[in-house]
C-alpha atoms as a PDB file:
ATOM      1  CA  MET A   1     -37.110 -44.852 -92.990  1.00  0.00           C
ATOM      2  CA  GLU A   2     -35.622 -48.360 -93.004  1.00  0.00           C
ATOM      3  CA  ASN A   3     -32.862 -47.214 -90.660  1.00  0.00           C
ATOM      4  CA  ILE A   4     -35.418 -45.748 -88.260  1.00  0.00           C
ATOM      5  CA  CYS A   5     -37.397 -49.023 -88.274  1.00  0.00           C
ATOM      6  CA  ALA A   6     -34.224 -51.017 -87.643  1.00  0.00           C
ATOM      7  CA  ILE A   7     -33.336 -48.772 -84.697  1.00  0.00           C
ATOM      8  CA  CYS A   8     -36.861 -49.191 -83.265  1.00  0.00           C
ATOM      9  CA  ILE A   9     -36.662 -52.982 -83.569  1.00  0.00           C
ATOM     10  CA  PHE A  10     -33.232 -52.970 -81.941  1.00  0.00           C
ATOM     11  CA  HIS A  11     -34.520 -50.785 -79.095  1.00  0.00           C
ATOM     12  CA  ASP A  12     -37.525 -53.080 -78.613  1.00  0.00           C
ATOM     13  CA  GLU A  13     -35.284 -56.136 -78.392  1.00  0.00           C
ATOM     14  CA  ILE A  14     -33.086 -54.451 -75.811  1.00  0.00           C
ATOM     15  CA  MET A  15     -36.080 -53.398 -73.709  1.00  0.00           C
ATOM     16  CA  LYS A  16     -37.716 -56.826 -73.965  1.00  0.00           C
ATOM     17  CA  ASN A  17     -34.483 -58.513 -72.888  1.00  0.00           C
ATOM     18  CA  GLU A  18     -34.009 -56.110 -69.968  1.00  0.00           C
ATOM     19  CA  ILE A  19     -37.553 -56.766 -68.768  1.00  0.00           C
ATOM     20  CA  LEU A  20     -37.019 -60.503 -69.069  1.00  0.00           C
ATOM     21  CA  GLN A  21     -33.634 -60.542 -67.341  1.00  0.00           C
ATOM     22  CA  THR A  22     -34.854 -58.322 -64.495  1.00  0.00           C
ATOM     23  CA  SER A  23     -38.079 -60.276 -64.026  1.00  0.00           C
ATOM     24  CA  LEU A  24     -36.204 -63.574 -63.924  1.00  0.00           C
ATOM     25  CA  GLN A  25     -33.900 -62.256 -61.198  1.00  0.00           C
ATOM     26  CA  GLN A  26     -36.908 -61.018 -59.221  1.00  0.00           C
ATOM     27  CA  PHE A  27     -38.681 -64.379 -59.549  1.00  0.00           C
ATOM     28  CA  LEU A  28     -35.576 -66.265 -58.418  1.00  0.00           C
ATOM     29  CA  LYS A  29     -34.981 -63.904 -55.506  1.00  0.00           C
ATOM     30  CA  HIS A  30     -38.530 -63.513 -54.157  1.00  0.00           C
ATOM     31  CA  GLY A  31     -40.555 -66.412 -55.554  1.00  0.00           C
ATOM     32  CA  ILE A  32     -43.438 -66.204 -58.024  1.00  0.00           C
ATOM     33  CA  ARG A  33     -46.739 -65.893 -56.193  1.00  0.00           C
ATOM     34  CA  LYS A  34     -45.999 -62.656 -54.335  1.00  0.00           C
ATOM     35  CA  MET A  35     -44.561 -60.902 -57.358  1.00  0.00           C
ATOM     36  CA  SER A  36     -46.841 -58.664 -59.420  1.00  0.00           C
ATOM     37  CA  VAL A  37     -45.852 -57.349 -62.834  1.00  0.00           C
ATOM     38  CA  GLN A  38     -45.215 -53.951 -61.266  1.00  0.00           C
ATOM     39  CA  LYS A  39     -42.931 -55.408 -58.607  1.00  0.00           C
ATOM     40  CA  LEU A  40     -41.098 -57.436 -61.226  1.00  0.00           C
ATOM     41  CA  VAL A  41     -40.109 -54.424 -63.281  1.00  0.00           C
ATOM     42  CA  ALA A  42     -39.807 -51.865 -60.463  1.00  0.00           C
ATOM     43  CA  PRO A  43     -35.975 -51.882 -60.674  1.00  0.00           C
ATOM     44  CA  LEU A  44     -36.254 -50.753 -64.308  1.00  0.00           C
ATOM     45  CA  GLY A  45     -38.479 -47.807 -63.464  1.00  0.00           C
ATOM     46  CA  ILE A  46     -40.963 -48.565 -66.257  1.00  0.00           C
ATOM     47  CA  SER A  47     -44.740 -48.882 -66.256  1.00  0.00           C
ATOM     48  CA  THR A  48     -46.757 -52.074 -66.560  1.00  0.00           C
ATOM     49  CA  LYS A  49     -48.025 -50.735 -69.880  1.00  0.00           C
ATOM     50  CA  THR A  50     -44.512 -51.090 -71.266  1.00  0.00           C
ATOM     51  CA  VAL A  51     -44.343 -54.698 -70.038  1.00  0.00           C
ATOM     52  CA  TYR A  52     -47.647 -55.595 -71.707  1.00  0.00           C
ATOM     53  CA  LYS A  53     -46.242 -54.361 -74.983  1.00  0.00           C
ATOM     54  CA  TYR A  54     -43.920 -57.373 -74.980  1.00  0.00           C
ATOM     55  CA  PHE A  55     -45.594 -59.947 -72.718  1.00  0.00           C
ATOM     56  CA  ARG A  56     -49.267 -60.916 -72.391  1.00  0.00           C
ATOM     57  CA  ASN A  57     -49.287 -61.301 -68.611  1.00  0.00           C
ATOM     58  CA  LYS A  58     -47.266 -62.473 -65.623  1.00  0.00           C
ATOM     59  CA  GLU A  59     -47.454 -66.141 -66.663  1.00  0.00           C
ATOM     60  CA  ASP A  60     -46.170 -65.307 -70.135  1.00  0.00           C
ATOM     61  CA  LEU A  61     -43.301 -63.418 -68.519  1.00  0.00           C
ATOM     62  CA  LEU A  62     -42.623 -66.361 -66.230  1.00  0.00           C
ATOM     63  CA  GLU A  63     -42.620 -68.829 -69.122  1.00  0.00           C
ATOM     64  CA  HIS A  64     -40.088 -66.782 -71.089  1.00  0.00           C
ATOM     65  CA  GLY A  65     -38.047 -66.341 -67.917  1.00  0.00           C
ATOM     66  CA  LEU A  66     -37.924 -70.097 -67.335  1.00  0.00           C
ATOM     67  CA  GLN A  67     -36.844 -70.657 -70.922  1.00  0.00           C
ATOM     68  CA  LEU A  68     -34.053 -68.138 -70.419  1.00  0.00           C
ATOM     69  CA  PHE A  69     -33.046 -69.731 -67.111  1.00  0.00           C
ATOM     70  CA  HIS A  70     -32.678 -73.179 -68.662  1.00  0.00           C
ATOM     71  CA  ALA A  71     -31.009 -71.781 -71.780  1.00  0.00           C
ATOM     72  CA  GLN A  72     -28.353 -70.189 -69.564  1.00  0.00           C
ATOM     73  CA  GLN A  73     -27.807 -73.493 -67.769  1.00  0.00           C
ATOM     74  CA  TYR A  74     -27.511 -75.391 -71.045  1.00  0.00           C
ATOM     75  CA  GLU A  75     -25.028 -72.847 -72.394  1.00  0.00           C
ATOM     76  CA  MET A  76     -22.968 -73.337 -69.252  1.00  0.00           C
ATOM     77  CA  LEU A  77     -23.108 -77.091 -69.853  1.00  0.00           C
ATOM     78  CA  GLN A  78     -21.987 -76.696 -73.456  1.00  0.00           C
ATOM     79  CA  ASN A  79     -19.099 -74.455 -72.450  1.00  0.00           C
ATOM     80  CA  GLN A  80     -17.455 -77.107 -70.292  1.00  0.00           C
ATOM     81  CA  LEU A  81     -14.096 -78.263 -71.576  1.00  0.00           C
ATOM     82  CA  ALA A  82     -14.583 -81.010 -74.164  1.00  0.00           C
ATOM     83  CA  ASN A  83     -11.181 -82.562 -73.412  1.00  0.00           C
ATOM     84  CA  GLN A  84     -11.852 -82.861 -69.667  1.00  0.00           C
ATOM     85  CA  HIS A  85     -12.011 -86.358 -68.169  1.00  0.00           C
ATOM     86  CA  ALA A  86     -15.598 -87.609 -68.019  1.00  0.00           C
ATOM     87  CA  ALA A  87     -15.693 -88.151 -64.240  1.00  0.00           C
ATOM     88  CA  THR A  88     -14.443 -84.654 -63.432  1.00  0.00           C
ATOM     89  CA  LEU A  89     -16.566 -83.109 -66.195  1.00  0.00           C
ATOM     90  CA  PHE A  90     -19.679 -84.813 -64.834  1.00  0.00           C
ATOM     91  CA  PHE A  91     -18.934 -83.528 -61.333  1.00  0.00           C
ATOM     92  CA  ASP A  92     -18.199 -79.971 -62.532  1.00  0.00           C
ATOM     93  CA  ILE A  93     -21.474 -79.742 -64.434  1.00  0.00           C
ATOM     94  CA  TRP A  94     -23.488 -80.598 -61.335  1.00  0.00           C
ATOM     95  CA  TYR A  95     -21.290 -78.342 -59.212  1.00  0.00           C
ATOM     96  CA  LYS A  96     -21.901 -75.306 -61.426  1.00  0.00           C
ATOM     97  CA  SER A  97     -25.651 -75.993 -61.601  1.00  0.00           C
ATOM     98  CA  PHE A  98     -25.618 -76.476 -57.839  1.00  0.00           C
ATOM     99  CA  GLU A  99     -23.906 -73.140 -57.246  1.00  0.00           C
ATOM    100  CA  LEU A 100     -26.445 -71.404 -59.476  1.00  0.00           C
ATOM    101  CA  GLU A 101     -29.641 -72.933 -58.102  1.00  0.00           C
ATOM    102  CA  TYR A 102     -28.623 -73.263 -54.453  1.00  0.00           C
ATOM    103  CA  LYS A 103     -28.865 -69.473 -54.145  1.00  0.00           C
ATOM    104  CA  VAL A 104     -32.406 -69.375 -55.537  1.00  0.00           C
ATOM    105  CA  ASN A 105     -35.213 -68.679 -53.063  1.00  0.00           C
ATOM    106  CA  GLN A 106     -36.973 -72.011 -52.578  1.00  0.00           C
ATOM    107  CA  ALA A 107     -40.288 -70.182 -52.746  1.00  0.00           C
ATOM    108  CA  PHE A 108     -39.603 -69.993 -56.482  1.00  0.00           C
ATOM    109  CA  PHE A 109     -39.546 -73.787 -56.911  1.00  0.00           C
ATOM    110  CA  HIS A 110     -42.448 -74.220 -54.480  1.00  0.00           C
ATOM    111  CA  ASP A 111     -44.624 -71.679 -56.278  1.00  0.00           C
ATOM    112  CA  LEU A 112     -43.794 -73.099 -59.693  1.00  0.00           C
ATOM    113  CA  HIS A 113     -44.681 -76.632 -58.615  1.00  0.00           C
ATOM    114  CA  TYR A 114     -47.896 -75.838 -56.732  1.00  0.00           C
ATOM    115  CA  TYR A 115     -49.341 -72.855 -58.586  1.00  0.00           C
ATOM    116  CA  TYR A 116     -48.042 -73.344 -62.118  1.00  0.00           C
ATOM    117  CA  PRO A 117     -47.879 -77.145 -62.535  1.00  0.00           C
ATOM    118  CA  GLU A 118     -48.868 -77.118 -66.208  1.00  0.00           C
ATOM    119  CA  LEU A 119     -46.216 -74.553 -67.028  1.00  0.00           C
ATOM    120  CA  GLU A 120     -43.668 -76.553 -65.040  1.00  0.00           C
ATOM    121  CA  LYS A 121     -44.506 -79.691 -67.052  1.00  0.00           C
ATOM    122  CA  LYS A 122     -44.389 -77.765 -70.313  1.00  0.00           C
ATOM    123  CA  ILE A 123     -40.941 -76.326 -69.614  1.00  0.00           C
ATOM    124  CA  GLU A 124     -39.563 -79.622 -68.322  1.00  0.00           C
ATOM    125  CA  GLY A 125     -40.882 -81.361 -71.439  1.00  0.00           C
ATOM    126  CA  THR A 126     -39.007 -78.992 -73.720  1.00  0.00           C
ATOM    127  CA  VAL A 127     -35.686 -78.939 -71.864  1.00  0.00           C
ATOM    128  CA  ALA A 128     -35.391 -82.336 -70.140  1.00  0.00           C
ATOM    129  CA  LYS A 129     -34.709 -84.335 -73.296  1.00  0.00           C
ATOM    130  CA  ARG A 130     -31.918 -82.025 -74.404  1.00  0.00           C
ATOM    131  CA  PHE A 131     -30.217 -82.091 -71.009  1.00  0.00           C
ATOM    132  CA  LYS A 132     -30.617 -85.855 -70.576  1.00  0.00           C
ATOM    133  CA  LEU A 133     -29.068 -86.575 -73.961  1.00  0.00           C
ATOM    134  CA  ARG A 134     -26.042 -84.443 -73.077  1.00  0.00           C
ATOM    135  CA  PHE A 135     -25.670 -86.018 -69.643  1.00  0.00           C
ATOM    136  CA  ALA A 136     -26.119 -89.531 -71.002  1.00  0.00           C
ATOM    137  CA  GLY A 137     -23.395 -88.796 -73.549  1.00  0.00           C
ATOM    138  CA  ILE A 138     -20.994 -87.837 -70.749  1.00  0.00           C
ATOM    139  CA  VAL A 139     -21.818 -90.997 -68.792  1.00  0.00           C
ATOM    140  CA  GLN A 140     -21.195 -93.090 -71.895  1.00  0.00           C
ATOM    141  CA  LYS A 141     -17.925 -91.227 -72.463  1.00  0.00           C
ATOM    142  CA  GLY A 142     -16.928 -92.139 -68.929  1.00  0.00           C
ATOM    143  CA  ILE A 143     -17.678 -95.810 -69.562  1.00  0.00           C
ATOM    144  CA  ASP A 144     -15.683 -95.733 -72.803  1.00  0.00           C
ATOM    145  CA  GLU A 145     -12.743 -94.043 -71.048  1.00  0.00           C
ATOM    146  CA  GLY A 146     -12.760 -96.635 -68.300  1.00  0.00           C
ATOM    147  CA  ALA A 147     -13.614 -93.993 -65.683  1.00  0.00           C
ATOM    148  CA  PHE A 148     -17.162 -95.279 -65.021  1.00  0.00           C
ATOM    149  CA  GLN A 149     -18.080 -98.898 -64.347  1.00  0.00           C
ATOM    150  CA  LYS A 150     -19.378-100.757 -67.401  1.00  0.00           C
ATOM    151  CA  THR A 151     -22.241-102.268 -65.403  1.00  0.00           C
ATOM    152  CA  ILE A 152     -23.972 -98.950 -64.638  1.00  0.00           C
ATOM    153  CA  HIS A 153     -27.180 -98.004 -66.407  1.00  0.00           C
ATOM    154  CA  PRO A 154     -26.866 -94.397 -67.707  1.00  0.00           C
ATOM    155  CA  GLU A 155     -30.573 -93.535 -67.439  1.00  0.00           C
ATOM    156  CA  ILE A 156     -30.906 -94.939 -63.918  1.00  0.00           C
ATOM    157  CA  THR A 157     -27.686 -93.201 -62.899  1.00  0.00           C
ATOM    158  CA  LEU A 158     -29.063 -89.885 -64.121  1.00  0.00           C
ATOM    159  CA  GLU A 159     -32.438 -90.441 -62.460  1.00  0.00           C
ATOM    160  CA  VAL A 160     -30.783 -91.050 -59.083  1.00  0.00           C
ATOM    161  CA  ILE A 161     -28.784 -87.830 -59.402  1.00  0.00           C
ATOM    162  CA  TYR A 162     -31.872 -85.863 -60.511  1.00  0.00           C
ATOM    163  CA  VAL A 163     -33.742 -87.052 -57.400  1.00  0.00           C
ATOM    164  CA  LEU A 164     -30.817 -86.122 -55.146  1.00  0.00           C
ATOM    165  CA  TYR A 165     -30.381 -82.766 -56.852  1.00  0.00           C
ATOM    166  CA  ALA A 166     -34.073 -81.876 -56.523  1.00  0.00           C
ATOM    167  CA  ALA A 167     -34.135 -82.888 -52.854  1.00  0.00           C
ATOM    168  CA  ILE A 168     -31.096 -80.750 -52.070  1.00  0.00           C
ATOM    169  CA  VAL A 169     -31.620 -77.691 -54.235  1.00  0.00           C
ATOM    170  CA  ARG A 170     -35.329 -77.418 -54.942  1.00  0.00           C
ATOM    171  CA  GLU A 171     -36.887 -79.017 -51.887  1.00  0.00           C
ATOM    172  CA  GLY A 172     -34.359 -77.859 -49.308  1.00  0.00           C
ATOM    173  CA  ARG A 173     -34.283 -81.186 -47.477  1.00  0.00           C
ATOM    174  CA  PHE A 174     -30.613 -80.747 -46.546  1.00  0.00           C
ATOM    175  CA  LYS A 175     -30.731 -77.093 -45.466  1.00  0.00           C
ATOM    176  CA  ARG A 176     -30.702 -78.044 -41.800  1.00  0.00           C
ATOM    177  CA  PHE A 177     -27.090 -79.222 -42.107  1.00  0.00           C
ATOM    178  CA  ARG A 178     -26.032 -75.623 -42.851  1.00  0.00           C
ATOM    179  CA  MET A 179     -23.192 -76.734 -45.098  1.00  0.00           C
ATOM    180  CA  PRO A 180     -21.517 -74.618 -47.780  1.00  0.00           C
ATOM    181  CA  ALA A 181     -22.718 -75.560 -51.261  1.00  0.00           C
ATOM    182  CA  PHE A 182     -19.542 -77.441 -52.202  1.00  0.00           C
ATOM    183  CA  ASP A 183     -19.433 -79.501 -48.994  1.00  0.00           C
ATOM    184  CA  LEU A 184     -23.063 -80.483 -49.414  1.00  0.00           C
ATOM    185  CA  LEU A 185     -22.516 -81.462 -53.031  1.00  0.00           C
ATOM    186  CA  PHE A 186     -19.357 -83.379 -52.087  1.00  0.00           C
ATOM    187  CA  ASN A 187     -21.249 -85.409 -49.464  1.00  0.00           C
ATOM    188  CA  THR A 188     -24.200 -86.264 -51.712  1.00  0.00           C
ATOM    189  CA  ILE A 189     -23.910 -86.177 -55.496  1.00  0.00           C
ATOM    190  CA  GLY A 190     -20.112 -86.205 -55.316  1.00  0.00           C
ATOM    191  CA  LYS A 191     -20.162 -89.422 -53.297  1.00  0.00           C
ATOM    192  CA  TYR A 192     -22.644 -90.996 -55.699  1.00  0.00           C
ATOM    193  CA  ILE A 193     -20.541 -90.114 -58.759  1.00  0.00           C
ATOM    194  CA  ARG A 194     -17.506 -91.536 -56.982  1.00  0.00           C
ATOM    195  CA  GLY A 195     -19.486 -94.721 -56.351  1.00  0.00           C
ATOM    196  CA  ILE A 196     -20.015 -95.375 -60.067  1.00  0.00           C
ATOM    197  CA  CYS A 197     -16.340 -94.787 -60.877  1.00  0.00           C
ATOM    198  CA  THR A 198     -13.645 -97.348 -61.551  1.00  0.00           C
ATOM    199  CA  GLU A 199     -10.298 -97.052 -59.765  1.00  0.00           C
ATOM    200  CA  LYS A 200      -9.113 -94.858 -62.625  1.00  0.00           C
ATOM    201  CA  GLY A 201     -12.181 -92.598 -62.302  1.00  0.00           C
ATOM    202  CA  ILE A 202     -11.853 -92.416 -58.514  1.00  0.00           C
ATOM    203  CA  SER A 203      -8.231 -91.322 -58.817  1.00  0.00           C
ATOM    204  CA  GLU A 204      -9.117 -88.570 -61.307  1.00  0.00           C
ATOM    205  CA  LEU A 205     -12.176 -87.423 -59.357  1.00  0.00           C
ATOM    206  CA  ASP A 206     -10.501 -87.403 -55.917  1.00  0.00           C
ATOM    207  CA  ALA A 207      -7.620 -85.298 -57.203  1.00  0.00           C
ATOM    208  CA  HIS A 208     -10.026 -82.902 -58.896  1.00  0.00           C
ATOM    209  CA  MET A 209     -12.328 -82.489 -55.886  1.00  0.00           C
ATOM    210  CA  ALA A 210      -9.358 -81.994 -53.552  1.00  0.00           C
ATOM    211  CA  LYS A 211      -8.137 -79.209 -55.806  1.00  0.00           C
ATOM    212  CA  LEU A 212     -11.587 -77.602 -55.775  1.00  0.00           C
ATOM    213  CA  GLN A 213     -11.806 -77.876 -51.987  1.00  0.00           C
ATOM    214  CA  ARG A 214      -8.467 -76.110 -51.571  1.00  0.00           C
ATOM    215  CA  SER A 215      -9.598 -73.240 -53.786  1.00  0.00           C
ATOM    216  CA  ALA A 216     -13.106 -72.986 -52.284  1.00  0.00           C
END
């Protein structure tokens, strides 16, 4: 009997995860407002009744999806090479996030901001502190290594990049330039990171970005 229960729990976890993963991809691809629960899980070929076994409603599904989305980003951040120079590490983190979010339908960010503002604030409140601490640690590492200027203010530096990142990726204010993701990042956040570097940091960053450009 215990084995049967364990198998059932395992099956439930697999199904719940499949629903969540599929729904998240549907939200990111099509936006939030136009997606019903049925449309979200259509690729799985299951009924809405199955979905409601694991999630209360569409908003509950969205909340868990957002948590998963940010968890995946944080895992990516944690997996960056610890022995990498701070300037190049800082650039790579934004580059990988950029690649991930630049492909997301901007209707997703629009819908989240305008139709689910409380949920947006809730999620940002739970994840922002964790991300900011990690980013601030990298900036401080860069200062200690002599790659970033000692006069910069880590929190202000991060805030400037957050504003740039949101304008590019989530608001689409640079879409009209029709640039590949790397070129757009290079001409915005890349230039800003270069601007806070010392000569040592600039040398490391320029060599790194040139290598990335050649392989892009």
